[in-house]
């Protein structure tokens, strides 16, 4: 442990540990899980269901934070080479490997216990499998080996609504799998847009991201193709009558917007446009799931 860390104020240390959990990413994960919980319950949730939602959200947050901390530990050398991640406590040496690993294990253990006793064993095992898929299969194996890392590893990132659905129903229904499919197809164009304007960072890090291995033009085409398939997937909740016209209108508008960004990116590239495409992808997913929530209660 560094001298600076030894003399740091407690709040500073707390912030360092909190940063390991990747708060913004975890917030989106919990939000998507909460949408799965809400959609699994016809009408307004009862008091016990609201309690279970709160407990399950806390458990999912803990395990997701554990996966993020483990990712920071494994990728500390890579993070140190990239401007986007060089500030992380593990990359800067502010927290030791032992501290990061212990923090991850404690969060995972606490989260698993919360889910097992507060929700159900199915949710706990699905969440733990997601932890292994992201922290080990994706971070340790896939990410440094193949440019399709985002595509394959996206399965872990697409699990939150499935976890939320399972927490309330003790089952995984077709509706939950449609939500999974939407996030799974959204993940590659979202991350590849980021990788396009951060390509030099990824090249220095040695990670085989698609723009590094296959070039800018090929990546832009893949982004466009994925947004087209994603467009179709976003219509499925309406097709199976999981939602009504309110969601359909929002889904079509968002999908047209995302596809338009991807088309412009494919035809005439700029870093600024790639950055705007990445930012719009975040709006796309957040508003899409918010529309599902509003549709569920208003119509």
C-alpha atoms as a PDB file:
ATOM      1  CA  UNK A   1       0.000   0.000   0.000  1.00  0.00           C
ATOM      2  CA  UNK A   2       1.344   3.398  -0.968  1.00  0.00           C
ATOM      3  CA  UNK A   3       2.250   6.067   1.577  1.00  0.00           C
ATOM      4  CA  UNK A   4      -0.352   8.369   0.026  1.00  0.00           C
ATOM      5  CA  UNK A   5      -3.100   5.785   0.607  1.00  0.00           C
ATOM      6  CA  UNK A   6      -1.924   5.167   4.161  1.00  0.00           C
ATOM      7  CA  UNK A   7      -2.340   8.829   5.091  1.00  0.00           C
ATOM      8  CA  UNK A   8      -5.495   9.453   3.039  1.00  0.00           C
ATOM      9  CA  UNK A   9      -8.701  10.488   4.755  1.00  0.00           C
ATOM     10  CA  UNK A  10     -11.293   7.708   5.174  1.00  0.00           C
ATOM     11  CA  UNK A  11     -13.633   9.380   2.690  1.00  0.00           C
ATOM     12  CA  UNK A  12     -10.915   9.283   0.062  1.00  0.00           C
ATOM     13  CA  UNK A  13     -10.485   5.541   0.569  1.00  0.00           C
ATOM     14  CA  UNK A  14     -14.253   5.029   0.403  1.00  0.00           C
ATOM     15  CA  UNK A  15     -14.336   6.896  -2.902  1.00  0.00           C
ATOM     16  CA  UNK A  16     -11.564   4.705  -4.263  1.00  0.00           C
ATOM     17  CA  UNK A  17     -13.459   1.532  -3.436  1.00  0.00           C
ATOM     18  CA  UNK A  18     -16.680   3.050  -4.769  1.00  0.00           C
ATOM     19  CA  UNK A  19     -14.929   3.884  -8.050  1.00  0.00           C
ATOM     20  CA  UNK A  20     -14.023   0.202  -8.471  1.00  0.00           C
ATOM     21  CA  UNK A  21     -17.718  -0.636  -8.758  1.00  0.00           C
ATOM     22  CA  UNK A  22     -18.093   1.488 -11.931  1.00  0.00           C
ATOM     23  CA  UNK A  23     -21.151   3.296 -10.525  1.00  0.00           C
ATOM     24  CA  UNK A  24     -22.604   4.573 -13.810  1.00  0.00           C
ATOM     25  CA  UNK A  25     -22.466   1.140 -15.417  1.00  0.00           C
ATOM     26  CA  UNK A  26     -23.957  -0.525 -12.338  1.00  0.00           C
ATOM     27  CA  UNK A  27     -26.753   2.049 -12.200  1.00  0.00           C
ATOM     28  CA  UNK A  28     -27.781   1.113 -15.747  1.00  0.00           C
ATOM     29  CA  UNK A  29     -27.584  -2.585 -14.845  1.00  0.00           C
ATOM     30  CA  UNK A  30     -29.860  -2.130 -11.817  1.00  0.00           C
ATOM     31  CA  UNK A  31     -32.226   0.052 -13.848  1.00  0.00           C
ATOM     32  CA  UNK A  32     -32.599  -2.665 -16.513  1.00  0.00           C
ATOM     33  CA  UNK A  33     -33.060  -5.310 -13.801  1.00  0.00           C
ATOM     34  CA  UNK A  34     -35.738  -3.174 -12.145  1.00  0.00           C
ATOM     35  CA  UNK A  35     -37.577  -2.884 -15.464  1.00  0.00           C
ATOM     36  CA  UNK A  36     -37.575  -6.678 -15.670  1.00  0.00           C
ATOM     37  CA  UNK A  37     -39.045  -6.872 -12.156  1.00  0.00           C
ATOM     38  CA  UNK A  38     -41.778  -4.350 -12.870  1.00  0.00           C
ATOM     39  CA  UNK A  39     -42.813  -5.941 -16.170  1.00  0.00           C
ATOM     40  CA  UNK A  40     -43.010  -9.342 -14.502  1.00  0.00           C
ATOM     41  CA  UNK A  41     -45.818  -8.096 -12.232  1.00  0.00           C
ATOM     42  CA  UNK A  42     -49.267  -7.419 -13.779  1.00  0.00           C
ATOM     43  CA  UNK A  43     -50.507  -4.051 -12.567  1.00  0.00           C
ATOM     44  CA  UNK A  44     -49.136  -2.262  -9.525  1.00  0.00           C
ATOM     45  CA  UNK A  45     -46.839  -4.344  -7.299  1.00  0.00           C
ATOM     46  CA  UNK A  46     -48.010  -5.260  -3.825  1.00  0.00           C
ATOM     47  CA  UNK A  47     -46.153  -4.360  -0.640  1.00  0.00           C
ATOM     48  CA  UNK A  48     -44.287  -7.693  -0.453  1.00  0.00           C
ATOM     49  CA  UNK A  49     -43.403  -7.410  -4.148  1.00  0.00           C
ATOM     50  CA  UNK A  50     -42.018  -3.906  -3.647  1.00  0.00           C
ATOM     51  CA  UNK A  51     -39.921  -5.230  -0.767  1.00  0.00           C
ATOM     52  CA  UNK A  52     -38.598  -8.050  -2.931  1.00  0.00           C
ATOM     53  CA  UNK A  53     -37.783  -5.556  -5.710  1.00  0.00           C
ATOM     54  CA  UNK A  54     -35.746  -3.435  -3.298  1.00  0.00           C
ATOM     55  CA  UNK A  55     -33.903  -6.445  -1.884  1.00  0.00           C
ATOM     56  CA  UNK A  56     -33.215  -7.942  -5.325  1.00  0.00           C
ATOM     57  CA  UNK A  57     -31.984  -4.575  -6.652  1.00  0.00           C
ATOM     58  CA  UNK A  58     -29.559  -4.335  -3.733  1.00  0.00           C
ATOM     59  CA  UNK A  59     -28.302  -7.872  -4.316  1.00  0.00           C
ATOM     60  CA  UNK A  60     -27.832  -7.318  -8.053  1.00  0.00           C
ATOM     61  CA  UNK A  61     -26.029  -4.028  -7.339  1.00  0.00           C
ATOM     62  CA  UNK A  62     -23.614  -5.783  -4.991  1.00  0.00           C
ATOM     63  CA  UNK A  63     -22.774  -8.616  -7.401  1.00  0.00           C
ATOM     64  CA  UNK A  64     -22.493  -6.231 -10.371  1.00  0.00           C
ATOM     65  CA  UNK A  65     -20.147  -4.045  -8.309  1.00  0.00           C
ATOM     66  CA  UNK A  66     -18.096  -7.119  -7.456  1.00  0.00           C
ATOM     67  CA  UNK A  67     -17.759  -7.997 -11.152  1.00  0.00           C
ATOM     68  CA  UNK A  68     -16.701  -4.430 -11.944  1.00  0.00           C
ATOM     69  CA  UNK A  69     -14.080  -4.461  -9.174  1.00  0.00           C
ATOM     70  CA  UNK A  70     -12.679  -7.778 -10.426  1.00  0.00           C
ATOM     71  CA  UNK A  71     -12.555  -6.333 -13.947  1.00  0.00           C
ATOM     72  CA  UNK A  72     -10.573  -3.335 -12.651  1.00  0.00           C
ATOM     73  CA  UNK A  73      -8.140  -5.715 -10.950  1.00  0.00           C
ATOM     74  CA  UNK A  74      -7.560  -7.924 -13.999  1.00  0.00           C
ATOM     75  CA  UNK A  75      -7.269  -5.003 -16.411  1.00  0.00           C
ATOM     76  CA  UNK A  76      -5.226  -2.616 -14.260  1.00  0.00           C
ATOM     77  CA  UNK A  77      -2.285  -2.757 -16.692  1.00  0.00           C
ATOM     78  CA  UNK A  78      -4.549  -2.116 -19.680  1.00  0.00           C
ATOM     79  CA  UNK A  79      -6.429   0.633 -17.847  1.00  0.00           C
ATOM     80  CA  UNK A  80      -3.173   2.423 -17.070  1.00  0.00           C
ATOM     81  CA  UNK A  81      -2.462   2.744 -20.820  1.00  0.00           C
ATOM     82  CA  UNK A  82      -5.823   4.267 -21.717  1.00  0.00           C
ATOM     83  CA  UNK A  83      -6.840   7.852 -20.983  1.00  0.00           C
ATOM     84  CA  UNK A  84     -10.447   6.794 -20.424  1.00  0.00           C
ATOM     85  CA  UNK A  85      -9.507   4.414 -17.583  1.00  0.00           C
ATOM     86  CA  UNK A  86      -6.098   5.567 -16.297  1.00  0.00           C
ATOM     87  CA  UNK A  87      -7.766   7.312 -13.311  1.00  0.00           C
ATOM     88  CA  UNK A  88      -9.062   4.059 -11.771  1.00  0.00           C
ATOM     89  CA  UNK A  89      -7.574   3.307  -8.322  1.00  0.00           C
ATOM     90  CA  UNK A  90      -6.161  -0.062  -9.402  1.00  0.00           C
ATOM     91  CA  UNK A  91      -4.546   1.455 -12.499  1.00  0.00           C
ATOM     92  CA  UNK A  92      -2.941   4.204 -10.383  1.00  0.00           C
ATOM     93  CA  UNK A  93      -1.815   1.789  -7.678  1.00  0.00           C
ATOM     94  CA  UNK A  94      -3.936   3.448  -4.995  1.00  0.00           C
ATOM     95  CA  UNK A  95      -5.503   0.097  -4.109  1.00  0.00           C
ATOM     96  CA  UNK A  96      -3.475  -3.124  -4.058  1.00  0.00           C
ATOM     97  CA  UNK A  97      -4.427  -6.346  -5.832  1.00  0.00           C
ATOM     98  CA  UNK A  98      -5.258  -7.914  -2.479  1.00  0.00           C
ATOM     99  CA  UNK A  99      -7.555  -5.053  -1.518  1.00  0.00           C
ATOM    100  CA  UNK A 100      -9.397  -5.106  -4.851  1.00  0.00           C
ATOM    101  CA  UNK A 101      -9.778  -8.896  -4.815  1.00  0.00           C
ATOM    102  CA  UNK A 102     -11.012  -8.968  -1.219  1.00  0.00           C
ATOM    103  CA  UNK A 103     -13.460  -6.170  -1.964  1.00  0.00           C
ATOM    104  CA  UNK A 104     -14.806  -8.077  -4.979  1.00  0.00           C
ATOM    105  CA  UNK A 105     -15.171 -11.335  -3.032  1.00  0.00           C
ATOM    106  CA  UNK A 106     -16.973  -9.615  -0.143  1.00  0.00           C
ATOM    107  CA  UNK A 107     -19.399  -7.804  -2.450  1.00  0.00           C
ATOM    108  CA  UNK A 108     -20.124 -10.971  -4.416  1.00  0.00           C
ATOM    109  CA  UNK A 109     -20.669 -12.995  -1.247  1.00  0.00           C
ATOM    110  CA  UNK A 110     -22.971 -10.400   0.294  1.00  0.00           C
ATOM    111  CA  UNK A 111     -24.926  -9.926  -2.919  1.00  0.00           C
ATOM    112  CA  UNK A 112     -25.354 -13.662  -3.435  1.00  0.00           C
ATOM    113  CA  UNK A 113     -26.630 -14.094   0.134  1.00  0.00           C
ATOM    114  CA  UNK A 114     -29.072 -11.196  -0.287  1.00  0.00           C
ATOM    115  CA  UNK A 115     -30.444 -12.724  -3.497  1.00  0.00           C
ATOM    116  CA  UNK A 116     -30.622 -16.277  -2.141  1.00  0.00           C
ATOM    117  CA  UNK A 117     -32.534 -15.373   1.009  1.00  0.00           C
ATOM    118  CA  UNK A 118     -34.293 -12.196  -0.132  1.00  0.00           C
ATOM    119  CA  UNK A 119     -35.365 -13.244  -3.635  1.00  0.00           C
ATOM    120  CA  UNK A 120     -34.875 -16.906  -4.608  1.00  0.00           C
ATOM    121  CA  UNK A 121     -32.050 -19.364  -5.394  1.00  0.00           C
ATOM    122  CA  UNK A 122     -32.689 -19.143  -9.161  1.00  0.00           C
ATOM    123  CA  UNK A 123     -31.946 -15.409  -9.171  1.00  0.00           C
ATOM    124  CA  UNK A 124     -28.837 -15.938  -7.066  1.00  0.00           C
ATOM    125  CA  UNK A 125     -27.438 -18.605  -9.405  1.00  0.00           C
ATOM    126  CA  UNK A 126     -28.284 -16.630 -12.548  1.00  0.00           C
ATOM    127  CA  UNK A 127     -26.603 -13.542 -11.073  1.00  0.00           C
ATOM    128  CA  UNK A 128     -23.551 -15.517 -10.009  1.00  0.00           C
ATOM    129  CA  UNK A 129     -23.335 -17.061 -13.499  1.00  0.00           C
ATOM    130  CA  UNK A 130     -23.459 -13.530 -14.911  1.00  0.00           C
ATOM    131  CA  UNK A 131     -20.608 -12.550 -12.585  1.00  0.00           C
ATOM    132  CA  UNK A 132     -18.509 -15.482 -13.849  1.00  0.00           C
ATOM    133  CA  UNK A 133     -19.450 -14.724 -17.455  1.00  0.00           C
ATOM    134  CA  UNK A 134     -18.340 -11.112 -17.210  1.00  0.00           C
ATOM    135  CA  UNK A 135     -15.464 -11.246 -14.732  1.00  0.00           C
ATOM    136  CA  UNK A 136     -13.861 -14.481 -15.954  1.00  0.00           C
ATOM    137  CA  UNK A 137     -15.123 -15.616 -19.377  1.00  0.00           C
ATOM    138  CA  UNK A 138     -15.273 -12.132 -20.896  1.00  0.00           C
ATOM    139  CA  UNK A 139     -12.574 -10.193 -19.026  1.00  0.00           C
ATOM    140  CA  UNK A 140      -9.931 -12.914 -18.665  1.00  0.00           C
ATOM    141  CA  UNK A 141     -10.545 -15.096 -21.734  1.00  0.00           C
ATOM    142  CA  UNK A 142     -12.497 -13.426 -24.531  1.00  0.00           C
ATOM    143  CA  UNK A 143     -11.527  -9.764 -24.345  1.00  0.00           C
ATOM    144  CA  UNK A 144      -7.787 -10.253 -24.961  1.00  0.00           C
ATOM    145  CA  UNK A 145      -8.265 -13.062 -27.516  1.00  0.00           C
ATOM    146  CA  UNK A 146     -10.911 -12.147 -30.090  1.00  0.00           C
ATOM    147  CA  UNK A 147     -12.343  -9.025 -31.754  1.00  0.00           C
ATOM    148  CA  UNK A 148     -15.764 -10.621 -31.226  1.00  0.00           C
ATOM    149  CA  UNK A 149     -15.288 -10.202 -27.471  1.00  0.00           C
ATOM    150  CA  UNK A 150     -18.073  -7.627 -27.226  1.00  0.00           C
ATOM    151  CA  UNK A 151     -20.509  -9.803 -29.178  1.00  0.00           C
ATOM    152  CA  UNK A 152     -19.947 -12.948 -27.116  1.00  0.00           C
ATOM    153  CA  UNK A 153     -19.387 -11.171 -23.817  1.00  0.00           C
ATOM    154  CA  UNK A 154     -22.497  -9.096 -24.420  1.00  0.00           C
ATOM    155  CA  UNK A 155     -24.550 -12.014 -23.122  1.00  0.00           C
ATOM    156  CA  UNK A 156     -23.480 -11.161 -19.563  1.00  0.00           C
ATOM    157  CA  UNK A 157     -24.355  -7.511 -20.017  1.00  0.00           C
ATOM    158  CA  UNK A 158     -27.788  -8.463 -21.375  1.00  0.00           C
ATOM    159  CA  UNK A 159     -28.777 -10.486 -18.287  1.00  0.00           C
ATOM    160  CA  UNK A 160     -30.112  -7.760 -15.906  1.00  0.00           C
ATOM    161  CA  UNK A 161     -33.778  -7.837 -17.052  1.00  0.00           C
ATOM    162  CA  UNK A 162     -33.682 -11.641 -16.882  1.00  0.00           C
ATOM    163  CA  UNK A 163     -32.386 -11.427 -13.318  1.00  0.00           C
ATOM    164  CA  UNK A 164     -35.113  -8.960 -12.426  1.00  0.00           C
ATOM    165  CA  UNK A 165     -37.819 -11.123 -13.993  1.00  0.00           C
ATOM    166  CA  UNK A 166     -36.560 -14.213 -12.162  1.00  0.00           C
ATOM    167  CA  UNK A 167     -36.465 -12.349  -8.837  1.00  0.00           C
ATOM    168  CA  UNK A 168     -40.221 -11.710  -8.985  1.00  0.00           C
ATOM    169  CA  UNK A 169     -41.451 -14.874 -10.717  1.00  0.00           C
ATOM    170  CA  UNK A 170     -38.832 -17.527  -9.881  1.00  0.00           C
ATOM    171  CA  UNK A 171     -38.887 -18.273 -13.613  1.00  0.00           C
ATOM    172  CA  UNK A 172     -37.472 -16.988 -16.910  1.00  0.00           C
ATOM    173  CA  UNK A 173     -40.238 -16.248 -19.398  1.00  0.00           C
ATOM    174  CA  UNK A 174     -40.121 -15.386 -23.129  1.00  0.00           C
ATOM    175  CA  UNK A 175     -40.709 -11.715 -22.295  1.00  0.00           C
ATOM    176  CA  UNK A 176     -37.495 -11.650 -20.263  1.00  0.00           C
ATOM    177  CA  UNK A 177     -35.601 -13.269 -23.128  1.00  0.00           C
ATOM    178  CA  UNK A 178     -36.820 -10.572 -25.528  1.00  0.00           C
ATOM    179  CA  UNK A 179     -35.434  -7.929 -23.194  1.00  0.00           C
ATOM    180  CA  UNK A 180     -32.199  -9.941 -23.096  1.00  0.00           C
ATOM    181  CA  UNK A 181     -32.104 -10.014 -26.913  1.00  0.00           C
ATOM    182  CA  UNK A 182     -32.546  -6.250 -27.184  1.00  0.00           C
ATOM    183  CA  UNK A 183     -29.584  -5.510 -24.888  1.00  0.00           C
ATOM    184  CA  UNK A 184     -27.495  -8.277 -26.496  1.00  0.00           C
ATOM    185  CA  UNK A 185     -27.942  -6.717 -29.959  1.00  0.00           C
ATOM    186  CA  UNK A 186     -27.505  -3.162 -28.625  1.00  0.00           C
ATOM    187  CA  UNK A 187     -24.135  -3.872 -27.007  1.00  0.00           C
ATOM    188  CA  UNK A 188     -21.872  -4.264 -30.102  1.00  0.00           C
ATOM    189  CA  UNK A 189     -22.832  -1.009 -31.894  1.00  0.00           C
ATOM    190  CA  UNK A 190     -22.700   0.810 -28.563  1.00  0.00           C
ATOM    191  CA  UNK A 191     -19.151  -0.310 -27.739  1.00  0.00           C
ATOM    192  CA  UNK A 192     -17.823  -0.255 -31.293  1.00  0.00           C
ATOM    193  CA  UNK A 193     -18.838   3.404 -31.635  1.00  0.00           C
ATOM    194  CA  UNK A 194     -16.714   4.096 -28.557  1.00  0.00           C
ATOM    195  CA  UNK A 195     -13.862   1.963 -29.892  1.00  0.00           C
ATOM    196  CA  UNK A 196     -13.811   3.913 -33.170  1.00  0.00           C
ATOM    197  CA  UNK A 197     -12.871   7.220 -31.590  1.00  0.00           C
ATOM    198  CA  UNK A 198     -10.741   5.543 -28.911  1.00  0.00           C
ATOM    199  CA  UNK A 199      -8.959   3.268 -31.368  1.00  0.00           C
ATOM    200  CA  UNK A 200      -5.463   4.513 -30.488  1.00  0.00           C
ATOM    201  CA  UNK A 201      -6.067   3.765 -26.817  1.00  0.00           C
ATOM    202  CA  UNK A 202      -7.154   0.230 -27.681  1.00  0.00           C
ATOM    203  CA  UNK A 203      -4.186  -0.212 -30.019  1.00  0.00           C
ATOM    204  CA  UNK A 204      -1.769   0.825 -27.251  1.00  0.00           C
ATOM    205  CA  UNK A 205      -3.504  -1.474 -24.782  1.00  0.00           C
ATOM    206  CA  UNK A 206      -3.059  -4.492 -27.053  1.00  0.00           C
ATOM    207  CA  UNK A 207      -6.747  -5.419 -26.947  1.00  0.00           C
ATOM    208  CA  UNK A 208      -8.040  -6.854 -30.260  1.00  0.00           C
ATOM    209  CA  UNK A 209     -11.023  -4.545 -30.606  1.00  0.00           C
ATOM    210  CA  UNK A 210     -12.707  -4.644 -34.006  1.00  0.00           C
ATOM    211  CA  UNK A 211     -11.440  -1.240 -35.252  1.00  0.00           C
ATOM    212  CA  UNK A 212      -7.891  -2.360 -34.432  1.00  0.00           C
ATOM    213  CA  UNK A 213      -8.069  -5.797 -36.066  1.00  0.00           C
ATOM    214  CA  UNK A 214     -10.421  -5.125 -38.992  1.00  0.00           C
ATOM    215  CA  UNK A 215     -10.213  -1.388 -39.506  1.00  0.00           C
ATOM    216  CA  UNK A 216     -12.486   1.618 -39.330  1.00  0.00           C
ATOM    217  CA  UNK A 217     -14.608   0.957 -42.424  1.00  0.00           C
ATOM    218  CA  UNK A 218     -15.444  -2.665 -41.541  1.00  0.00           C
ATOM    219  CA  UNK A 219     -16.419  -1.651 -37.997  1.00  0.00           C
ATOM    220  CA  UNK A 220     -18.717   1.082 -39.284  1.00  0.00           C
ATOM    221  CA  UNK A 221     -20.498  -1.429 -41.525  1.00  0.00           C
ATOM    222  CA  UNK A 222     -20.948  -3.815 -38.609  1.00  0.00           C
ATOM    223  CA  UNK A 223     -22.437  -1.012 -36.506  1.00  0.00           C
ATOM    224  CA  UNK A 224     -24.979  -0.272 -39.237  1.00  0.00           C
ATOM    225  CA  UNK A 225     -25.938  -3.942 -39.664  1.00  0.00           C
ATOM    226  CA  UNK A 226     -26.371  -4.428 -35.930  1.00  0.00           C
ATOM    227  CA  UNK A 227     -28.588  -1.349 -35.598  1.00  0.00           C
ATOM    228  CA  UNK A 228     -30.853  -2.735 -38.338  1.00  0.00           C
ATOM    229  CA  UNK A 229     -31.209  -6.080 -36.554  1.00  0.00           C
ATOM    230  CA  UNK A 230     -31.673  -4.230 -33.267  1.00  0.00           C
ATOM    231  CA  UNK A 231     -34.476  -2.202 -34.871  1.00  0.00           C
ATOM    232  CA  UNK A 232     -36.382  -5.429 -35.555  1.00  0.00           C
ATOM    233  CA  UNK A 233     -35.743  -6.767 -32.038  1.00  0.00           C
ATOM    234  CA  UNK A 234     -37.058  -3.561 -30.472  1.00  0.00           C
ATOM    235  CA  UNK A 235     -40.433  -4.197 -32.147  1.00  0.00           C
ATOM    236  CA  UNK A 236     -40.848  -7.623 -30.546  1.00  0.00           C
ATOM    237  CA  UNK A 237     -42.428  -6.419 -27.256  1.00  0.00           C
ATOM    238  CA  UNK A 238     -45.243  -4.908 -29.327  1.00  0.00           C
ATOM    239  CA  UNK A 239     -45.489  -7.937 -31.629  1.00  0.00           C
ATOM    240  CA  UNK A 240     -46.049 -10.359 -28.735  1.00  0.00           C
ATOM    241  CA  UNK A 241     -48.412  -7.864 -27.015  1.00  0.00           C
ATOM    242  CA  UNK A 242     -46.058  -7.307 -24.140  1.00  0.00           C
ATOM    243  CA  UNK A 243     -46.531  -3.568 -24.785  1.00  0.00           C
ATOM    244  CA  UNK A 244     -48.848  -1.295 -26.735  1.00  0.00           C
ATOM    245  CA  UNK A 245     -48.707   1.678 -29.098  1.00  0.00           C
ATOM    246  CA  UNK A 246     -46.961   4.028 -26.660  1.00  0.00           C
ATOM    247  CA  UNK A 247     -43.895   1.807 -26.536  1.00  0.00           C
ATOM    248  CA  UNK A 248     -44.101   1.170 -30.291  1.00  0.00           C
ATOM    249  CA  UNK A 249     -43.957   4.880 -31.127  1.00  0.00           C
ATOM    250  CA  UNK A 250     -40.971   5.455 -28.842  1.00  0.00           C
ATOM    251  CA  UNK A 251     -39.175   2.297 -30.041  1.00  0.00           C
ATOM    252  CA  UNK A 252     -39.569   3.241 -33.698  1.00  0.00           C
ATOM    253  CA  UNK A 253     -38.385   6.814 -33.101  1.00  0.00           C
ATOM    254  CA  UNK A 254     -35.344   5.691 -31.119  1.00  0.00           C
ATOM    255  CA  UNK A 255     -34.471   2.947 -33.598  1.00  0.00           C
ATOM    256  CA  UNK A 256     -34.767   5.301 -36.562  1.00  0.00           C
ATOM    257  CA  UNK A 257     -32.468   7.712 -34.733  1.00  0.00           C
ATOM    258  CA  UNK A 258     -29.874   5.054 -33.900  1.00  0.00           C
ATOM    259  CA  UNK A 259     -29.957   3.679 -37.454  1.00  0.00           C
ATOM    260  CA  UNK A 260     -29.597   7.199 -38.875  1.00  0.00           C
ATOM    261  CA  UNK A 261     -26.517   7.792 -36.737  1.00  0.00           C
ATOM    262  CA  UNK A 262     -25.084   4.453 -37.858  1.00  0.00           C
ATOM    263  CA  UNK A 263     -25.802   5.203 -41.529  1.00  0.00           C
ATOM    264  CA  UNK A 264     -24.136   8.597 -41.341  1.00  0.00           C
ATOM    265  CA  UNK A 265     -21.184   7.021 -39.539  1.00  0.00           C
ATOM    266  CA  UNK A 266     -20.884   4.404 -42.278  1.00  0.00           C
ATOM    267  CA  UNK A 267     -21.018   6.953 -45.110  1.00  0.00           C
ATOM    268  CA  UNK A 268     -18.816   9.688 -43.672  1.00  0.00           C
ATOM    269  CA  UNK A 269     -16.774   9.021 -40.547  1.00  0.00           C
ATOM    270  CA  UNK A 270     -15.583  11.521 -37.961  1.00  0.00           C
ATOM    271  CA  UNK A 271     -14.555  11.099 -34.336  1.00  0.00           C
ATOM    272  CA  UNK A 272     -17.168  13.658 -33.342  1.00  0.00           C
ATOM    273  CA  UNK A 273     -19.928  11.678 -35.056  1.00  0.00           C
ATOM    274  CA  UNK A 274     -18.725   8.421 -33.461  1.00  0.00           C
ATOM    275  CA  UNK A 275     -18.833  10.140 -30.072  1.00  0.00           C
ATOM    276  CA  UNK A 276     -22.388  11.375 -30.715  1.00  0.00           C
ATOM    277  CA  UNK A 277     -23.412   7.891 -31.848  1.00  0.00           C
ATOM    278  CA  UNK A 278     -22.050   6.393 -28.639  1.00  0.00           C
ATOM    279  CA  UNK A 279     -23.905   8.947 -26.531  1.00  0.00           C
ATOM    280  CA  UNK A 280     -27.135   8.404 -28.437  1.00  0.00           C
ATOM    281  CA  UNK A 281     -26.849   4.659 -27.871  1.00  0.00           C
ATOM    282  CA  UNK A 282     -27.029   5.317 -24.118  1.00  0.00           C
ATOM    283  CA  UNK A 283     -30.132   7.453 -24.613  1.00  0.00           C
ATOM    284  CA  UNK A 284     -31.609   4.750 -26.857  1.00  0.00           C
ATOM    285  CA  UNK A 285     -31.454   1.987 -24.272  1.00  0.00           C
ATOM    286  CA  UNK A 286     -32.452   4.112 -21.275  1.00  0.00           C
ATOM    287  CA  UNK A 287     -35.459   5.726 -22.957  1.00  0.00           C
ATOM    288  CA  UNK A 288     -36.521   2.448 -24.587  1.00  0.00           C
ATOM    289  CA  UNK A 289     -36.754   0.703 -21.225  1.00  0.00           C
ATOM    290  CA  UNK A 290     -38.377   3.756 -19.637  1.00  0.00           C
ATOM    291  CA  UNK A 291     -41.008   3.603 -22.391  1.00  0.00           C
ATOM    292  CA  UNK A 292     -41.655  -0.045 -21.552  1.00  0.00           C
ATOM    293  CA  UNK A 293     -42.203   0.989 -17.949  1.00  0.00           C
ATOM    294  CA  UNK A 294     -44.578   3.837 -18.797  1.00  0.00           C
ATOM    295  CA  UNK A 295     -46.500   1.685 -21.257  1.00  0.00           C
ATOM    296  CA  UNK A 296     -46.895  -1.013 -18.613  1.00  0.00           C
ATOM    297  CA  UNK A 297     -48.593   1.364 -16.173  1.00  0.00           C
ATOM    298  CA  UNK A 298     -50.357   3.910 -18.380  1.00  0.00           C
ATOM    299  CA  UNK A 299     -51.982   1.635 -20.973  1.00  0.00           C
END
